């Protein structure tokens, strides 16, 4: 038995959200879904209003559901688009070094790790 009337509504809304996610083929639970960021167009509207010198640029942000802190960061950065994140992974061994080790193993496959290390370090240095 629910303790308050709002509890039933909240529980039904949560159940409906979970059911609709599975009906759409989503494999994540409702609590695991990422929230959508603000689009570049929305950010550009706020940025253009600030750059034009309008005094209601914070109202433009509020009408686009952009938080005030995000708005101030947007104006401080001076751009509406996001910078690319991530990049190439750090590699510990270059392709040339890998080819050199493979060449040593092709010459004699009975090398131990210590023998490979000494021959490789003498070649590189």
PDB file of N, CA and C in Angstrom:
ATOM      1  N   UNK A   1       0.845  -1.178   0.000  1.00  0.00           N
ATOM      2  CA  UNK A   1       0.000   0.000   0.000  1.00  0.00           C
ATOM      3  C   UNK A   1       0.888   1.238   0.000  1.00  0.00           C
ATOM      4  N   UNK A   2       0.695   2.167  -0.913  1.00  0.00           N
ATOM      5  CA  UNK A   2       1.528   3.365  -0.968  1.00  0.00           C
ATOM      6  C   UNK A   2       1.294   4.271   0.224  1.00  0.00           C
ATOM      7  N   UNK A   3       2.354   4.933   0.620  1.00  0.00           N
ATOM      8  CA  UNK A   3       2.279   5.833   1.769  1.00  0.00           C
ATOM      9  C   UNK A   3       1.661   7.169   1.401  1.00  0.00           C
ATOM     10  N   UNK A   4       1.886   7.632   0.182  1.00  0.00           N
ATOM     11  CA  UNK A   4       1.326   8.911  -0.243  1.00  0.00           C
ATOM     12  C   UNK A   4       0.833   8.774  -1.679  1.00  0.00           C
ATOM     13  N   UNK A   5      -0.122   9.611  -2.094  1.00  0.00           N
ATOM     14  CA  UNK A   5      -0.688   9.473  -3.443  1.00  0.00           C
ATOM     15  C   UNK A   5       0.328   9.688  -4.552  1.00  0.00           C
ATOM     16  N   UNK A   6       1.322  10.530  -4.340  1.00  0.00           N
ATOM     17  CA  UNK A   6       2.317  10.788  -5.371  1.00  0.00           C
ATOM     18  C   UNK A   6       3.222   9.603  -5.628  1.00  0.00           C
ATOM     19  N   UNK A   7       3.321   8.699  -4.640  1.00  0.00           N
ATOM     20  CA  UNK A   7       4.197   7.539  -4.787  1.00  0.00           C
ATOM     21  C   UNK A   7       3.689   6.611  -5.885  1.00  0.00           C
ATOM     22  N   UNK A   8       2.373   6.458  -5.989  1.00  0.00           N
ATOM     23  CA  UNK A   8       1.800   5.596  -7.024  1.00  0.00           C
ATOM     24  C   UNK A   8       2.092   6.175  -8.406  1.00  0.00           C
ATOM     25  N   UNK A   9       1.904   7.466  -8.558  1.00  0.00           N
ATOM     26  CA  UNK A   9       2.147   8.116  -9.840  1.00  0.00           C
ATOM     27  C   UNK A   9       3.608   8.013 -10.242  1.00  0.00           C
ATOM     28  N   UNK A  10       4.513   8.236  -9.282  1.00  0.00           N
ATOM     29  CA  UNK A  10       5.943   8.155  -9.577  1.00  0.00           C
ATOM     30  C   UNK A  10       6.336   6.741  -9.965  1.00  0.00           C
ATOM     31  N   UNK A  11       5.788   5.753  -9.264  1.00  0.00           N
ATOM     32  CA  UNK A  11       6.123   4.359  -9.553  1.00  0.00           C
ATOM     33  C   UNK A  11       5.601   3.960 -10.932  1.00  0.00           C
ATOM     34  N   UNK A  12       4.379   4.389 -11.264  1.00  0.00           N
ATOM     35  CA  UNK A  12       3.826   4.071 -12.580  1.00  0.00           C
ATOM     36  C   UNK A  12       4.620   4.746 -13.687  1.00  0.00           C
ATOM     37  N   UNK A  13       5.053   5.975 -13.444  1.00  0.00           N
ATOM     38  CA  UNK A  13       5.849   6.683 -14.448  1.00  0.00           C
ATOM     39  C   UNK A  13       7.176   5.980 -14.671  1.00  0.00           C
ATOM     40  N   UNK A  14       7.806   5.506 -13.587  1.00  0.00           N
ATOM     41  CA  UNK A  14       9.071   4.789 -13.710  1.00  0.00           C
ATOM     42  C   UNK A  14       8.870   3.475 -14.447  1.00  0.00           C
ATOM     43  N   UNK A  15       7.799   2.734 -14.098  1.00  0.00           N
ATOM     44  CA  UNK A  15       7.521   1.477 -14.785  1.00  0.00           C
ATOM     45  C   UNK A  15       7.272   1.713 -16.270  1.00  0.00           C
ATOM     46  N   UNK A  16       6.518   2.762 -16.607  1.00  0.00           N
ATOM     47  CA  UNK A  16       6.240   3.059 -18.006  1.00  0.00           C
ATOM     48  C   UNK A  16       7.518   3.416 -18.752  1.00  0.00           C
ATOM     49  N   UNK A  17       8.425   4.136 -18.073  1.00  0.00           N
ATOM     50  CA  UNK A  17       9.684   4.513 -18.710  1.00  0.00           C
ATOM     51  C   UNK A  17      10.517   3.272 -19.018  1.00  0.00           C
ATOM     52  N   UNK A  18      10.566   2.347 -18.083  1.00  0.00           N
ATOM     53  CA  UNK A  18      11.327   1.110 -18.285  1.00  0.00           C
ATOM     54  C   UNK A  18      10.701   0.276 -19.398  1.00  0.00           C
ATOM     55  N   UNK A  19       9.372   0.160 -19.378  1.00  0.00           N
ATOM     56  CA  UNK A  19       8.689  -0.628 -20.405  1.00  0.00           C
ATOM     57  C   UNK A  19       8.905  -0.013 -21.785  1.00  0.00           C
ATOM     58  N   UNK A  20       8.810   1.313 -21.873  1.00  0.00           N
ATOM     59  CA  UNK A  20       8.980   1.952 -23.178  1.00  0.00           C
ATOM     60  C   UNK A  20      10.412   1.811 -23.686  1.00  0.00           C
ATOM     61  N   UNK A  21      11.397   1.785 -22.778  1.00  0.00           N
ATOM     62  CA  UNK A  21      12.781   1.603 -23.211  1.00  0.00           C
ATOM     63  C   UNK A  21      12.976   0.214 -23.812  1.00  0.00           C
ATOM     64  N   UNK A  22      12.390  -0.800 -23.184  1.00  0.00           N
ATOM     65  CA  UNK A  22      12.524  -2.146 -23.722  1.00  0.00           C
ATOM     66  C   UNK A  22      11.733  -2.297 -25.016  1.00  0.00           C
ATOM     67  N   UNK A  23      10.606  -1.607 -25.127  1.00  0.00           N
ATOM     68  CA  UNK A  23       9.813  -1.684 -26.350  1.00  0.00           C
ATOM     69  C   UNK A  23      10.558  -1.054 -27.519  1.00  0.00           C
ATOM     70  N   UNK A  24      11.383  -0.046 -27.237  1.00  0.00           N
ATOM     71  CA  UNK A  24      12.157   0.599 -28.292  1.00  0.00           C
ATOM     72  C   UNK A  24      13.436  -0.157 -28.625  1.00  0.00           C
ATOM     73  N   UNK A  25      13.719  -1.223 -27.896  1.00  0.00           N
ATOM     74  CA  UNK A  25      14.907  -2.008 -28.166  1.00  0.00           C
ATOM     75  C   UNK A  25      16.127  -1.536 -27.409  1.00  0.00           C
ATOM     76  N   UNK A  26      15.950  -0.688 -26.430  1.00  0.00           N
ATOM     77  CA  UNK A  26      17.072  -0.178 -25.645  1.00  0.00           C
ATOM     78  C   UNK A  26      17.443  -1.213 -24.596  1.00  0.00           C
ATOM     79  N   UNK A  27      18.720  -1.453 -24.414  1.00  0.00           N
ATOM     80  CA  UNK A  27      19.155  -2.463 -23.460  1.00  0.00           C
ATOM     81  C   UNK A  27      19.556  -1.873 -22.118  1.00  0.00           C
ATOM     82  N   UNK A  28      19.480  -0.555 -21.962  1.00  0.00           N
ATOM     83  CA  UNK A  28      19.869   0.073 -20.706  1.00  0.00           C
ATOM     84  C   UNK A  28      18.639   0.405 -19.884  1.00  0.00           C
ATOM     85  N   UNK A  29      18.825   0.398 -18.576  1.00  0.00           N
ATOM     86  CA  UNK A  29      17.752   0.797 -17.678  1.00  0.00           C
ATOM     87  C   UNK A  29      17.597   2.313 -17.731  1.00  0.00           C
ATOM     88  N   UNK A  30      16.481   2.801 -17.215  1.00  0.00           N
ATOM     89  CA  UNK A  30      16.197   4.231 -17.255  1.00  0.00           C
ATOM     90  C   UNK A  30      17.246   5.029 -16.491  1.00  0.00           C
ATOM     91  N   UNK A  31      17.787   4.475 -15.420  1.00  0.00           N
ATOM     92  CA  UNK A  31      18.782   5.200 -14.628  1.00  0.00           C
ATOM     93  C   UNK A  31      20.145   5.237 -15.313  1.00  0.00           C
ATOM     94  N   UNK A  32      20.374   4.376 -16.314  1.00  0.00           N
ATOM     95  CA  UNK A  32      21.659   4.316 -16.989  1.00  0.00           C
ATOM     96  C   UNK A  32      21.709   5.148 -18.265  1.00  0.00           C
ATOM     97  N   UNK A  33      20.578   5.705 -18.690  1.00  0.00           N
ATOM     98  CA  UNK A  33      20.551   6.463 -19.931  1.00  0.00           C
ATOM     99  C   UNK A  33      21.235   7.805 -19.754  1.00  0.00           C
ATOM    100  N   UNK A  34      21.982   8.215 -20.758  1.00  0.00           N
ATOM    101  CA  UNK A  34      22.651   9.515 -20.732  1.00  0.00           C
ATOM    102  C   UNK A  34      21.651  10.606 -21.031  1.00  0.00           C
ATOM    103  N   UNK A  35      21.775  11.696 -20.330  1.00  0.00           N
ATOM    104  CA  UNK A  35      20.924  12.829 -20.653  1.00  0.00           C
ATOM    105  C   UNK A  35      21.504  13.532 -21.874  1.00  0.00           C
ATOM    106  N   UNK A  36      20.626  14.072 -22.683  1.00  0.00           N
ATOM    107  CA  UNK A  36      21.077  14.745 -23.889  1.00  0.00           C
ATOM    108  C   UNK A  36      21.656  16.105 -23.547  1.00  0.00           C
ATOM    109  N   UNK A  37      22.737  16.456 -24.204  1.00  0.00           N
ATOM    110  CA  UNK A  37      23.330  17.767 -24.020  1.00  0.00           C
ATOM    111  C   UNK A  37      22.517  18.793 -24.791  1.00  0.00           C
ATOM    112  N   UNK A  38      22.831  20.023 -24.570  1.00  0.00           N
ATOM    113  CA  UNK A  38      22.190  21.098 -25.309  1.00  0.00           C
ATOM    114  C   UNK A  38      22.784  21.119 -26.711  1.00  0.00           C
ATOM    115  N   UNK A  39      21.938  21.356 -27.682  1.00  0.00           N
ATOM    116  CA  UNK A  39      22.405  21.336 -29.066  1.00  0.00           C
ATOM    117  C   UNK A  39      23.257  22.568 -29.353  1.00  0.00           C
ATOM    118  N   UNK A  40      24.030  22.470 -30.408  1.00  0.00           N
ATOM    119  CA  UNK A  40      24.892  23.585 -30.803  1.00  0.00           C
ATOM    120  C   UNK A  40      24.038  24.782 -31.219  1.00  0.00           C
ATOM    121  N   UNK A  41      22.874  24.514 -31.807  1.00  0.00           N
ATOM    122  CA  UNK A  41      21.988  25.602 -32.222  1.00  0.00           C
ATOM    123  C   UNK A  41      21.499  26.399 -31.019  1.00  0.00           C
ATOM    124  N   UNK A  42      21.106  25.689 -29.945  1.00  0.00           N
ATOM    125  CA  UNK A  42      20.661  26.382 -28.732  1.00  0.00           C
ATOM    126  C   UNK A  42      21.790  27.214 -28.137  1.00  0.00           C
ATOM    127  N   UNK A  43      22.978  26.637 -28.082  1.00  0.00           N
ATOM    128  CA  UNK A  43      24.123  27.371 -27.542  1.00  0.00           C
ATOM    129  C   UNK A  43      24.462  28.574 -28.416  1.00  0.00           C
ATOM    130  N   UNK A  44      24.337  28.403 -29.731  1.00  0.00           N
ATOM    131  CA  UNK A  44      24.657  29.493 -30.648  1.00  0.00           C
ATOM    132  C   UNK A  44      23.685  30.653 -30.482  1.00  0.00           C
ATOM    133  N   UNK A  45      22.407  30.344 -30.200  1.00  0.00           N
ATOM    134  CA  UNK A  45      21.429  31.413 -29.956  1.00  0.00           C
ATOM    135  C   UNK A  45      21.842  32.269 -28.768  1.00  0.00           C
ATOM    136  N   UNK A  46      22.248  31.611 -27.693  1.00  0.00           N
ATOM    137  CA  UNK A  46      22.669  32.341 -26.495  1.00  0.00           C
ATOM    138  C   UNK A  46      23.928  33.143 -26.792  1.00  0.00           C
ATOM    139  N   UNK A  47      24.870  32.531 -27.464  1.00  0.00           N
ATOM    140  CA  UNK A  47      26.131  33.198 -27.768  1.00  0.00           C
ATOM    141  C   UNK A  47      25.912  34.406 -28.678  1.00  0.00           C
ATOM    142  N   UNK A  48      25.041  34.257 -29.672  1.00  0.00           N
ATOM    143  CA  UNK A  48      24.737  35.379 -30.573  1.00  0.00           C
ATOM    144  C   UNK A  48      24.049  36.520 -29.836  1.00  0.00           C
ATOM    145  N   UNK A  49      23.155  36.182 -28.902  1.00  0.00           N
ATOM    146  CA  UNK A  49      22.470  37.222 -28.124  1.00  0.00           C
ATOM    147  C   UNK A  49      23.465  37.991 -27.260  1.00  0.00           C
ATOM    148  N   UNK A  50      24.417  37.292 -26.680  1.00  0.00           N
ATOM    149  CA  UNK A  50      25.425  37.963 -25.848  1.00  0.00           C
ATOM    150  C   UNK A  50      26.348  38.817 -26.707  1.00  0.00           C
ATOM    151  N   UNK A  51      26.759  38.283 -27.842  1.00  0.00           N
ATOM    152  CA  UNK A  51      27.676  39.005 -28.719  1.00  0.00           C
ATOM    153  C   UNK A  51      27.020  40.251 -29.325  1.00  0.00           C
ATOM    154  N   UNK A  52      25.697  40.190 -29.528  1.00  0.00           N
ATOM    155  CA  UNK A  52      24.973  41.335 -30.076  1.00  0.00           C
ATOM    156  C   UNK A  52      24.752  42.425 -29.027  1.00  0.00           C
ATOM    157  N   UNK A  53      25.089  42.136 -27.784  1.00  0.00           N
ATOM    158  CA  UNK A  53      24.951  43.135 -26.726  1.00  0.00           C
ATOM    159  C   UNK A  53      23.559  43.206 -26.131  1.00  0.00           C
ATOM    160  N   UNK A  54      22.756  42.181 -26.380  1.00  0.00           N
ATOM    161  CA  UNK A  54      21.411  42.180 -25.806  1.00  0.00           C
ATOM    162  C   UNK A  54      21.505  41.966 -24.303  1.00  0.00           C
ATOM    163  N   UNK A  55      20.640  42.655 -23.573  1.00  0.00           N
ATOM    164  CA  UNK A  55      20.660  42.539 -22.114  1.00  0.00           C
ATOM    165  C   UNK A  55      19.882  41.326 -21.623  1.00  0.00           C
ATOM    166  N   UNK A  56      19.133  40.691 -22.499  1.00  0.00           N
ATOM    167  CA  UNK A  56      18.326  39.541 -22.090  1.00  0.00           C
ATOM    168  C   UNK A  56      18.940  38.212 -22.529  1.00  0.00           C
ATOM    169  N   UNK A  57      20.266  38.164 -22.655  1.00  0.00           N
ATOM    170  CA  UNK A  57      20.894  36.929 -23.123  1.00  0.00           C
ATOM    171  C   UNK A  57      20.734  35.803 -22.112  1.00  0.00           C
ATOM    172  N   UNK A  58      20.615  36.128 -20.828  1.00  0.00           N
ATOM    173  CA  UNK A  58      20.348  35.086 -19.833  1.00  0.00           C
ATOM    174  C   UNK A  58      18.916  34.569 -19.970  1.00  0.00           C
ATOM    175  N   UNK A  59      18.002  35.427 -20.382  1.00  0.00           N
ATOM    176  CA  UNK A  59      16.627  34.985 -20.627  1.00  0.00           C
ATOM    177  C   UNK A  59      16.569  34.071 -21.847  1.00  0.00           C
ATOM    178  N   UNK A  60      17.395  34.350 -22.839  1.00  0.00           N
ATOM    179  CA  UNK A  60      17.478  33.470 -24.015  1.00  0.00           C
ATOM    180  C   UNK A  60      17.967  32.092 -23.582  1.00  0.00           C
ATOM    181  N   UNK A  61      18.949  32.068 -22.690  1.00  0.00           N
ATOM    182  CA  UNK A  61      19.458  30.789 -22.181  1.00  0.00           C
ATOM    183  C   UNK A  61      18.388  30.062 -21.386  1.00  0.00           C
ATOM    184  N   UNK A  62      17.651  30.785 -20.560  1.00  0.00           N
ATOM    185  CA  UNK A  62      16.599  30.161 -19.757  1.00  0.00           C
ATOM    186  C   UNK A  62      15.488  29.607 -20.643  1.00  0.00           C
ATOM    187  N   UNK A  63      15.158  30.303 -21.723  1.00  0.00           N
ATOM    188  CA  UNK A  63      14.109  29.804 -22.618  1.00  0.00           C
ATOM    189  C   UNK A  63      14.559  28.570 -23.387  1.00  0.00           C
ATOM    190  N   UNK A  64      15.859  28.370 -23.514  1.00  0.00           N
ATOM    191  CA  UNK A  64      16.397  27.165 -24.160  1.00  0.00           C
ATOM    192  C   UNK A  64      16.765  26.087 -23.155  1.00  0.00           C
ATOM    193  N   UNK A  65      16.384  26.277 -21.884  1.00  0.00           N
ATOM    194  CA  UNK A  65      16.649  25.318 -20.797  1.00  0.00           C
ATOM    195  C   UNK A  65      18.137  25.054 -20.610  1.00  0.00           C
ATOM    196  N   UNK A  66      18.940  26.091 -20.717  1.00  0.00           N
ATOM    197  CA  UNK A  66      20.373  25.983 -20.480  1.00  0.00           C
ATOM    198  C   UNK A  66      20.655  26.605 -19.117  1.00  0.00           C
ATOM    199  N   UNK A  67      21.302  25.870 -18.206  1.00  0.00           N
ATOM    200  CA  UNK A  67      21.588  26.416 -16.880  1.00  0.00           C
ATOM    201  C   UNK A  67      22.481  27.655 -16.957  1.00  0.00           C
ATOM    202  N   UNK A  68      22.388  28.477 -15.920  1.00  0.00           N
ATOM    203  CA  UNK A  68      23.147  29.728 -15.887  1.00  0.00           C
ATOM    204  C   UNK A  68      24.646  29.467 -15.910  1.00  0.00           C
ATOM    205  N   UNK A  69      25.099  28.448 -15.177  1.00  0.00           N
ATOM    206  CA  UNK A  69      26.538  28.160 -15.149  1.00  0.00           C
ATOM    207  C   UNK A  69      27.037  27.749 -16.526  1.00  0.00           C
ATOM    208  N   UNK A  70      26.250  26.950 -17.232  1.00  0.00           N
ATOM    209  CA  UNK A  70      26.625  26.560 -18.586  1.00  0.00           C
ATOM    210  C   UNK A  70      26.653  27.778 -19.501  1.00  0.00           C
ATOM    211  N   UNK A  71      25.723  28.690 -19.297  1.00  0.00           N
ATOM    212  CA  UNK A  71      25.670  29.905 -20.108  1.00  0.00           C
ATOM    213  C   UNK A  71      26.907  30.759 -19.899  1.00  0.00           C
ATOM    214  N   UNK A  72      27.286  30.969 -18.636  1.00  0.00           N
ATOM    215  CA  UNK A  72      28.478  31.765 -18.364  1.00  0.00           C
ATOM    216  C   UNK A  72      29.734  31.090 -18.913  1.00  0.00           C
ATOM    217  N   UNK A  73      29.817  29.766 -18.815  1.00  0.00           N
ATOM    218  CA  UNK A  73      30.963  29.046 -19.387  1.00  0.00           C
ATOM    219  C   UNK A  73      30.990  29.182 -20.906  1.00  0.00           C
ATOM    220  N   UNK A  74      29.830  29.154 -21.525  1.00  0.00           N
ATOM    221  CA  UNK A  74      29.735  29.309 -22.973  1.00  0.00           C
ATOM    222  C   UNK A  74      30.261  30.673 -23.408  1.00  0.00           C
ATOM    223  N   UNK A  75      29.869  31.714 -22.697  1.00  0.00           N
ATOM    224  CA  UNK A  75      30.309  33.070 -23.031  1.00  0.00           C
ATOM    225  C   UNK A  75      31.797  33.234 -22.740  1.00  0.00           C
ATOM    226  N   UNK A  76      32.257  32.647 -21.644  1.00  0.00           N
ATOM    227  CA  UNK A  76      33.671  32.752 -21.278  1.00  0.00           C
ATOM    228  C   UNK A  76      34.561  32.059 -22.308  1.00  0.00           C
ATOM    229  N   UNK A  77      34.126  30.880 -22.805  1.00  0.00           N
ATOM    230  CA  UNK A  77      34.913  30.150 -23.803  1.00  0.00           C
ATOM    231  C   UNK A  77      34.919  30.858 -25.144  1.00  0.00           C
ATOM    232  N   UNK A  78      33.813  31.487 -25.505  1.00  0.00           N
ATOM    233  CA  UNK A  78      33.740  32.214 -26.762  1.00  0.00           C
ATOM    234  C   UNK A  78      33.399  31.364 -27.963  1.00  0.00           C
ATOM    235  N   UNK A  79      32.847  30.191 -27.753  1.00  0.00           N
ATOM    236  CA  UNK A  79      32.445  29.346 -28.879  1.00  0.00           C
ATOM    237  C   UNK A  79      31.260  28.477 -28.444  1.00  0.00           C
ATOM    238  N   UNK A  80      30.435  28.115 -29.407  1.00  0.00           N
ATOM    239  CA  UNK A  80      29.242  27.329 -29.110  1.00  0.00           C
ATOM    240  C   UNK A  80      29.468  25.842 -29.330  1.00  0.00           C
ATOM    241  N   UNK A  81      30.432  25.490 -30.161  1.00  0.00           N
ATOM    242  CA  UNK A  81      30.658  24.075 -30.442  1.00  0.00           C
ATOM    243  C   UNK A  81      31.621  23.482 -29.422  1.00  0.00           C
ATOM    244  N   UNK A  82      31.527  22.175 -29.255  1.00  0.00           N
ATOM    245  CA  UNK A  82      32.391  21.471 -28.319  1.00  0.00           C
ATOM    246  C   UNK A  82      33.673  21.044 -29.020  1.00  0.00           C
ATOM    247  N   UNK A  83      34.761  21.055 -28.280  1.00  0.00           N
ATOM    248  CA  UNK A  83      36.019  20.580 -28.834  1.00  0.00           C
ATOM    249  C   UNK A  83      36.006  19.058 -28.880  1.00  0.00           C
ATOM    250  N   UNK A  84      36.712  18.464 -29.823  1.00  0.00           N
ATOM    251  CA  UNK A  84      36.758  17.005 -29.868  1.00  0.00           C
ATOM    252  C   UNK A  84      37.461  16.455 -28.638  1.00  0.00           C
ATOM    253  N   UNK A  85      36.964  15.337 -28.156  1.00  0.00           N
ATOM    254  CA  UNK A  85      37.532  14.730 -26.965  1.00  0.00           C
ATOM    255  C   UNK A  85      38.239  13.445 -27.333  1.00  0.00           C
ATOM    256  N   UNK A  86      39.121  13.021 -26.460  1.00  0.00           N
ATOM    257  CA  UNK A  86      39.830  11.780 -26.696  1.00  0.00           C
ATOM    258  C   UNK A  86      41.023  11.992 -27.599  1.00  0.00           C
ATOM    259  N   UNK A  87      41.286  11.045 -28.438  1.00  0.00           N
ATOM    260  CA  UNK A  87      42.406  11.145 -29.351  1.00  0.00           C
ATOM    261  C   UNK A  87      43.062   9.789 -29.509  1.00  0.00           C
ATOM    262  N   UNK A  88      44.226   9.799 -30.081  1.00  0.00           N
ATOM    263  CA  UNK A  88      44.945   8.550 -30.314  1.00  0.00           C
ATOM    264  C   UNK A  88      45.451   7.988 -28.992  1.00  0.00           C
ATOM    265  N   UNK A  89      45.460   6.701 -28.898  1.00  0.00           N
ATOM    266  CA  UNK A  89      45.960   6.061 -27.689  1.00  0.00           C
ATOM    267  C   UNK A  89      47.478   6.118 -27.669  1.00  0.00           C
ATOM    268  N   UNK A  90      48.008   6.211 -26.467  1.00  0.00           N
ATOM    269  CA  UNK A  90      49.450   6.231 -26.307  1.00  0.00           C
ATOM    270  C   UNK A  90      49.987   4.836 -26.617  1.00  0.00           C
ATOM    271  N   UNK A  91      50.981   4.767 -27.490  1.00  0.00           N
ATOM    272  CA  UNK A  91      51.566   3.475 -27.821  1.00  0.00           C
ATOM    273  C   UNK A  91      52.927   3.368 -27.154  1.00  0.00           C
ATOM    274  N   UNK A  92      53.207   2.197 -26.637  1.00  0.00           N
ATOM    275  CA  UNK A  92      54.466   1.987 -25.940  1.00  0.00           C
ATOM    276  C   UNK A  92      55.549   1.465 -26.871  1.00  0.00           C
ATOM    277  N   UNK A  93      55.140   0.924 -28.010  1.00  0.00           N
ATOM    278  CA  UNK A  93      56.121   0.377 -28.938  1.00  0.00           C
ATOM    279  C   UNK A  93      55.779   0.845 -30.346  1.00  0.00           C
ATOM    280  N   UNK A  94      56.757   1.392 -31.016  1.00  0.00           N
ATOM    281  CA  UNK A  94      56.533   1.869 -32.376  1.00  0.00           C
ATOM    282  C   UNK A  94      56.429   0.682 -33.334  1.00  0.00           C
ATOM    283  N   UNK A  95      55.828   0.869 -34.480  1.00  0.00           N
ATOM    284  CA  UNK A  95      55.752  -0.224 -35.456  1.00  0.00           C
ATOM    285  C   UNK A  95      57.133  -0.697 -35.915  1.00  0.00           C
ATOM    286  N   UNK A  96      58.124   0.222 -35.951  1.00  0.00           N
ATOM    287  CA  UNK A  96      59.476  -0.178 -36.349  1.00  0.00           C
ATOM    288  C   UNK A  96      60.091  -1.120 -35.315  1.00  0.00           C
ATOM    289  N   UNK A  97      59.881  -0.817 -34.034  1.00  0.00           N
ATOM    290  CA  UNK A  97      60.423  -1.678 -32.980  1.00  0.00           C
ATOM    291  C   UNK A  97      59.743  -3.038 -33.000  1.00  0.00           C
ATOM    292  N   UNK A  98      58.447  -3.049 -33.260  1.00  0.00           N
ATOM    293  CA  UNK A  98      57.720  -4.314 -33.337  1.00  0.00           C
ATOM    294  C   UNK A  98      58.228  -5.152 -34.512  1.00  0.00           C
ATOM    295  N   UNK A  99      58.482  -4.505 -35.645  1.00  0.00           N
ATOM    296  CA  UNK A  99      59.006  -5.221 -36.812  1.00  0.00           C
ATOM    297  C   UNK A  99      60.392  -5.775 -36.531  1.00  0.00           C
ATOM    298  N   UNK A 100      61.201  -5.019 -35.766  1.00  0.00           N
ATOM    299  CA  UNK A 100      62.544  -5.482 -35.413  1.00  0.00           C
ATOM    300  C   UNK A 100      62.471  -6.741 -34.548  1.00  0.00           C
ATOM    301  N   UNK A 101      61.579  -6.747 -33.563  1.00  0.00           N
ATOM    302  CA  UNK A 101      61.429  -7.936 -32.717  1.00  0.00           C
ATOM    303  C   UNK A 101      60.922  -9.128 -33.524  1.00  0.00           C
ATOM    304  N   UNK A 102      59.985  -8.885 -34.428  1.00  0.00           N
ATOM    305  CA  UNK A 102      59.492  -9.977 -35.268  1.00  0.00           C
ATOM    306  C   UNK A 102      60.591 -10.529 -36.160  1.00  0.00           C
ATOM    307  N   UNK A 103      61.488  -9.649 -36.618  1.00  0.00           N
ATOM    308  CA  UNK A 103      62.605 -10.105 -37.450  1.00  0.00           C
ATOM    309  C   UNK A 103      63.537 -11.002 -36.635  1.00  0.00           C
ATOM    310  N   UNK A 104      63.821 -10.613 -35.374  1.00  0.00           N
ATOM    311  CA  UNK A 104      64.654 -11.454 -34.510  1.00  0.00           C
ATOM    312  C   UNK A 104      64.016 -12.824 -34.316  1.00  0.00           C
ATOM    313  N   UNK A 105      62.706 -12.853 -34.105  1.00  0.00           N
ATOM    314  CA  UNK A 105      62.033 -14.132 -33.890  1.00  0.00           C
ATOM    315  C   UNK A 105      61.971 -14.959 -35.169  1.00  0.00           C
ATOM    316  N   UNK A 106      61.896 -14.299 -36.327  1.00  0.00           N
ATOM    317  CA  UNK A 106      61.904 -15.039 -37.588  1.00  0.00           C
ATOM    318  C   UNK A 106      63.267 -15.682 -37.839  1.00  0.00           C
ATOM    319  N   UNK A 107      64.337 -15.009 -37.397  1.00  0.00           N
ATOM    320  CA  UNK A 107      65.680 -15.568 -37.566  1.00  0.00           C
ATOM    321  C   UNK A 107      65.877 -16.795 -36.687  1.00  0.00           C
ATOM    322  N   UNK A 108      65.475 -16.687 -35.435  1.00  0.00           N
ATOM    323  CA  UNK A 108      65.638 -17.805 -34.503  1.00  0.00           C
ATOM    324  C   UNK A 108      64.500 -17.747 -33.496  1.00  0.00           C
ATOM    325  N   UNK A 109      63.604 -18.706 -33.581  1.00  0.00           N
ATOM    326  CA  UNK A 109      62.424 -18.681 -32.721  1.00  0.00           C
ATOM    327  C   UNK A 109      62.696 -19.231 -31.321  1.00  0.00           C
ATOM    328  N   UNK A 110      63.930 -19.620 -31.040  1.00  0.00           N
ATOM    329  CA  UNK A 110      64.240 -20.162 -29.711  1.00  0.00           C
ATOM    330  C   UNK A 110      64.812 -19.104 -28.777  1.00  0.00           C
ATOM    331  N   UNK A 111      64.803 -17.843 -29.178  1.00  0.00           N
ATOM    332  CA  UNK A 111      65.287 -16.774 -28.297  1.00  0.00           C
ATOM    333  C   UNK A 111      64.435 -16.719 -27.037  1.00  0.00           C
ATOM    334  N   UNK A 112      65.095 -16.502 -25.919  1.00  0.00           N
ATOM    335  CA  UNK A 112      64.364 -16.258 -24.678  1.00  0.00           C
ATOM    336  C   UNK A 112      64.054 -14.767 -24.588  1.00  0.00           C
ATOM    337  N   UNK A 113      63.247 -14.402 -23.618  1.00  0.00           N
ATOM    338  CA  UNK A 113      62.912 -12.989 -23.451  1.00  0.00           C
ATOM    339  C   UNK A 113      64.142 -12.167 -23.099  1.00  0.00           C
ATOM    340  N   UNK A 114      65.031 -12.727 -22.280  1.00  0.00           N
ATOM    341  CA  UNK A 114      66.253 -12.001 -21.920  1.00  0.00           C
ATOM    342  C   UNK A 114      67.140 -11.782 -23.140  1.00  0.00           C
ATOM    343  N   UNK A 115      67.260 -12.788 -23.990  1.00  0.00           N
ATOM    344  CA  UNK A 115      68.062 -12.638 -25.200  1.00  0.00           C
ATOM    345  C   UNK A 115      67.443 -11.599 -26.142  1.00  0.00           C
ATOM    346  N   UNK A 116      66.112 -11.619 -26.275  1.00  0.00           N
ATOM    347  CA  UNK A 116      65.442 -10.621 -27.104  1.00  0.00           C
ATOM    348  C   UNK A 116      65.664  -9.220 -26.549  1.00  0.00           C
ATOM    349  N   UNK A 117      65.576  -9.079 -25.227  1.00  0.00           N
ATOM    350  CA  UNK A 117      65.741  -7.764 -24.611  1.00  0.00           C
ATOM    351  C   UNK A 117      67.145  -7.223 -24.834  1.00  0.00           C
ATOM    352  N   UNK A 118      68.164  -8.066 -24.637  1.00  0.00           N
ATOM    353  CA  UNK A 118      69.538  -7.585 -24.813  1.00  0.00           C
ATOM    354  C   UNK A 118      69.834  -7.259 -26.277  1.00  0.00           C
ATOM    355  N   UNK A 119      69.389  -8.111 -27.197  1.00  0.00           N
ATOM    356  CA  UNK A 119      69.655  -7.830 -28.609  1.00  0.00           C
ATOM    357  C   UNK A 119      68.862  -6.606 -29.084  1.00  0.00           C
ATOM    358  N   UNK A 120      67.669  -6.441 -28.586  1.00  0.00           N
ATOM    359  CA  UNK A 120      66.860  -5.291 -28.976  1.00  0.00           C
ATOM    360  C   UNK A 120      67.425  -3.999 -28.402  1.00  0.00           C
ATOM    361  N   UNK A 121      67.840  -4.025 -27.137  1.00  0.00           N
ATOM    362  CA  UNK A 121      68.385  -2.806 -26.522  1.00  0.00           C
ATOM    363  C   UNK A 121      69.720  -2.424 -27.157  1.00  0.00           C
ATOM    364  N   UNK A 122      70.520  -3.414 -27.594  1.00  0.00           N
ATOM    365  CA  UNK A 122      71.785  -3.080 -28.254  1.00  0.00           C
ATOM    366  C   UNK A 122      71.542  -2.506 -29.653  1.00  0.00           C
ATOM    367  N   UNK A 123      70.471  -2.925 -30.308  1.00  0.00           N
ATOM    368  CA  UNK A 123      70.151  -2.405 -31.633  1.00  0.00           C
ATOM    369  C   UNK A 123      69.600  -0.981 -31.548  1.00  0.00           C
ATOM    370  N   UNK A 124      68.753  -0.734 -30.582  1.00  0.00           N
ATOM    371  CA  UNK A 124      68.101   0.572 -30.460  1.00  0.00           C
ATOM    372  C   UNK A 124      69.078   1.619 -29.963  1.00  0.00           C
ATOM    373  N   UNK A 125      69.921   1.275 -29.022  1.00  0.00           N
ATOM    374  CA  UNK A 125      70.840   2.256 -28.436  1.00  0.00           C
ATOM    375  C   UNK A 125      72.116   2.303 -29.170  1.00  0.00           C
TER     376      UNK A 125
END
